[in-house]
Amino acid sequence: MDKQPQIGQIVKVLRGKDENSYAVIIEIVDERFVMIVDGDKRRFDQPKKKNVLHLELQPAISSEVTSSLLETGRVTNAKLRYVIQKYAHAKGE
């Protein structure tokens, strides 16, 4: 049983042209789809709709992204890049 995706959660993309890259969930569409962004190729104002089956949910949930989305309804691309970079670095990638 897979855990439910959460807003601010870091995911690894398993399928598509962004394969093996990290992204952050900014919206949950329904039980099958989420909107993801990475702040670089996939900016906040153009999120990618992704099937959760094509994502590997990481245990990390960024409180910075979550609180920013709750407070202002958006998050800066720089913050997204920073969070992903910090997570990938912590994993040694």
C-alpha atoms as a PDB file:
ATOM      1  CA  MET A   1       0.000   0.000   0.000  1.00  0.00           C
ATOM      2  CA  ASP A   2       1.547   3.239  -1.137  1.00  0.00           C
ATOM      3  CA  LYS A   3       1.278   6.331   1.024  1.00  0.00           C
ATOM      4  CA  GLN A   4      -0.780   9.245  -0.245  1.00  0.00           C
ATOM      5  CA  PRO A   5       1.158  12.075  -1.891  1.00  0.00           C
ATOM      6  CA  GLN A   6       1.234  15.323   0.061  1.00  0.00           C
ATOM      7  CA  ILE A   7       1.727  18.938  -0.929  1.00  0.00           C
ATOM      8  CA  GLY A   8       5.370  19.951  -0.543  1.00  0.00           C
ATOM      9  CA  GLN A   9       6.546  16.353  -0.866  1.00  0.00           C
ATOM     10  CA  ILE A  10       9.633  15.667  -2.934  1.00  0.00           C
ATOM     11  CA  VAL A  11       9.215  13.030  -5.640  1.00  0.00           C
ATOM     12  CA  LYS A  12      11.514  11.271  -8.078  1.00  0.00           C
ATOM     13  CA  VAL A  13      10.165  11.124 -11.632  1.00  0.00           C
ATOM     14  CA  LEU A  14      10.254   7.553 -12.976  1.00  0.00           C
ATOM     15  CA  ARG A  15       8.684   8.044 -16.427  1.00  0.00           C
ATOM     16  CA  GLY A  16       8.828  10.637 -19.188  1.00  0.00           C
ATOM     17  CA  LYS A  17      11.428  13.079 -20.399  1.00  0.00           C
ATOM     18  CA  ASP A  18      12.138  14.281 -16.839  1.00  0.00           C
ATOM     19  CA  GLU A  19      12.987  10.718 -15.783  1.00  0.00           C
ATOM     20  CA  ASN A  20      15.321  10.385 -12.761  1.00  0.00           C
ATOM     21  CA  SER A  21      14.943  14.034 -11.794  1.00  0.00           C
ATOM     22  CA  TYR A  22      13.396  15.396  -8.613  1.00  0.00           C
ATOM     23  CA  ALA A  23      10.333  17.590  -8.338  1.00  0.00           C
ATOM     24  CA  VAL A  24       7.968  18.917  -5.667  1.00  0.00           C
ATOM     25  CA  ILE A  25       4.214  18.309  -5.469  1.00  0.00           C
ATOM     26  CA  ILE A  26       2.329  21.618  -5.390  1.00  0.00           C
ATOM     27  CA  GLU A  27      -1.201  20.360  -5.965  1.00  0.00           C
ATOM     28  CA  ILE A  28      -3.136  17.126  -5.670  1.00  0.00           C
ATOM     29  CA  VAL A  29      -5.609  16.820  -8.550  1.00  0.00           C
ATOM     30  CA  ASP A  30      -7.258  13.538  -7.499  1.00  0.00           C
ATOM     31  CA  GLU A  31      -6.176  10.108  -6.232  1.00  0.00           C
ATOM     32  CA  ARG A  32      -4.275   9.412  -9.463  1.00  0.00           C
ATOM     33  CA  PHE A  33      -2.780  12.737 -10.499  1.00  0.00           C
ATOM     34  CA  VAL A  34      -0.662  15.464  -8.913  1.00  0.00           C
ATOM     35  CA  MET A  35       0.888  18.674 -10.223  1.00  0.00           C
ATOM     36  CA  ILE A  36       4.671  18.802  -9.938  1.00  0.00           C
ATOM     37  CA  VAL A  37       7.292  21.524 -10.456  1.00  0.00           C
ATOM     38  CA  ASP A  38      11.068  21.703 -10.146  1.00  0.00           C
ATOM     39  CA  GLY A  39      11.603  25.463 -10.399  1.00  0.00           C
ATOM     40  CA  ASP A  40      13.917  24.982 -13.378  1.00  0.00           C
ATOM     41  CA  LYS A  41      12.563  23.316 -16.531  1.00  0.00           C
ATOM     42  CA  ARG A  42       9.149  23.020 -14.916  1.00  0.00           C
ATOM     43  CA  ARG A  43       8.361  26.382 -13.358  1.00  0.00           C
ATOM     44  CA  PHE A  44       5.678  27.148 -10.779  1.00  0.00           C
ATOM     45  CA  ASP A  45       3.353  28.849 -13.283  1.00  0.00           C
ATOM     46  CA  GLN A  46       3.524  25.850 -15.642  1.00  0.00           C
ATOM     47  CA  PRO A  47       3.248  22.736 -13.485  1.00  0.00           C
ATOM     48  CA  LYS A  48       3.265  19.232 -14.972  1.00  0.00           C
ATOM     49  CA  LYS A  49       0.314  16.950 -14.351  1.00  0.00           C
ATOM     50  CA  LYS A  50       1.768  13.562 -13.452  1.00  0.00           C
ATOM     51  CA  ASN A  51       0.307  10.150 -12.691  1.00  0.00           C
ATOM     52  CA  VAL A  52       1.344   9.122  -9.159  1.00  0.00           C
ATOM     53  CA  LEU A  53       2.274   5.683 -10.508  1.00  0.00           C
ATOM     54  CA  HIS A  54       5.060   7.382 -12.482  1.00  0.00           C
ATOM     55  CA  LEU A  55       6.519   8.998  -9.368  1.00  0.00           C
ATOM     56  CA  GLU A  56       8.546   7.632  -6.497  1.00  0.00           C
ATOM     57  CA  LEU A  57       7.403   9.432  -3.361  1.00  0.00           C
ATOM     58  CA  GLN A  58      10.367  10.446  -1.230  1.00  0.00           C
ATOM     59  CA  PRO A  59      10.120  10.539   2.568  1.00  0.00           C
ATOM     60  CA  ALA A  60      10.972  14.255   2.569  1.00  0.00           C
ATOM     61  CA  ILE A  61       8.247  16.891   2.748  1.00  0.00           C
ATOM     62  CA  SER A  62       9.468  20.462   2.465  1.00  0.00           C
ATOM     63  CA  SER A  63       7.956  22.609   5.198  1.00  0.00           C
ATOM     64  CA  GLU A  64       9.293  25.693   3.373  1.00  0.00           C
ATOM     65  CA  VAL A  65       7.255  24.929   0.249  1.00  0.00           C
ATOM     66  CA  THR A  66       4.175  23.859   2.220  1.00  0.00           C
ATOM     67  CA  SER A  67       4.092  26.986   4.385  1.00  0.00           C
ATOM     68  CA  SER A  68       4.752  29.256   1.402  1.00  0.00           C
ATOM     69  CA  LEU A  69       1.849  27.697  -0.523  1.00  0.00           C
ATOM     70  CA  LEU A  70      -0.451  27.995   2.494  1.00  0.00           C
ATOM     71  CA  GLU A  71       0.469  31.629   3.158  1.00  0.00           C
ATOM     72  CA  THR A  72       0.568  33.072  -0.366  1.00  0.00           C
ATOM     73  CA  GLY A  73      -0.809  30.344  -2.625  1.00  0.00           C
ATOM     74  CA  ARG A  74       2.474  30.201  -4.532  1.00  0.00           C
ATOM     75  CA  VAL A  75       6.154  29.448  -4.106  1.00  0.00           C
ATOM     76  CA  THR A  76       9.168  30.939  -5.876  1.00  0.00           C
ATOM     77  CA  ASN A  77      11.086  28.917  -8.435  1.00  0.00           C
ATOM     78  CA  ALA A  78      14.290  29.741  -6.567  1.00  0.00           C
ATOM     79  CA  LYS A  79      12.903  28.177  -3.395  1.00  0.00           C
ATOM     80  CA  LEU A  80      11.850  25.063  -5.334  1.00  0.00           C
ATOM     81  CA  ARG A  81      15.321  24.723  -6.872  1.00  0.00           C
ATOM     82  CA  TYR A  82      16.923  25.220  -3.468  1.00  0.00           C
ATOM     83  CA  VAL A  83      14.758  22.580  -1.755  1.00  0.00           C
ATOM     84  CA  ILE A  84      15.393  20.004  -4.511  1.00  0.00           C
ATOM     85  CA  GLN A  85      19.120  20.745  -4.625  1.00  0.00           C
ATOM     86  CA  LYS A  86      19.394  20.461  -0.836  1.00  0.00           C
ATOM     87  CA  TYR A  87      17.525  17.131  -0.860  1.00  0.00           C
ATOM     88  CA  ALA A  88      19.570  15.648  -3.732  1.00  0.00           C
ATOM     89  CA  HIS A  89      22.776  16.776  -2.014  1.00  0.00           C
ATOM     90  CA  ALA A  90      21.695  15.162   1.264  1.00  0.00           C
ATOM     91  CA  LYS A  91      21.114  11.898  -0.628  1.00  0.00           C
ATOM     92  CA  GLY A  92      24.589  12.206  -2.134  1.00  0.00           C
ATOM     93  CA  GLU A  93      23.446  12.736  -5.730  1.00  0.00           C
END
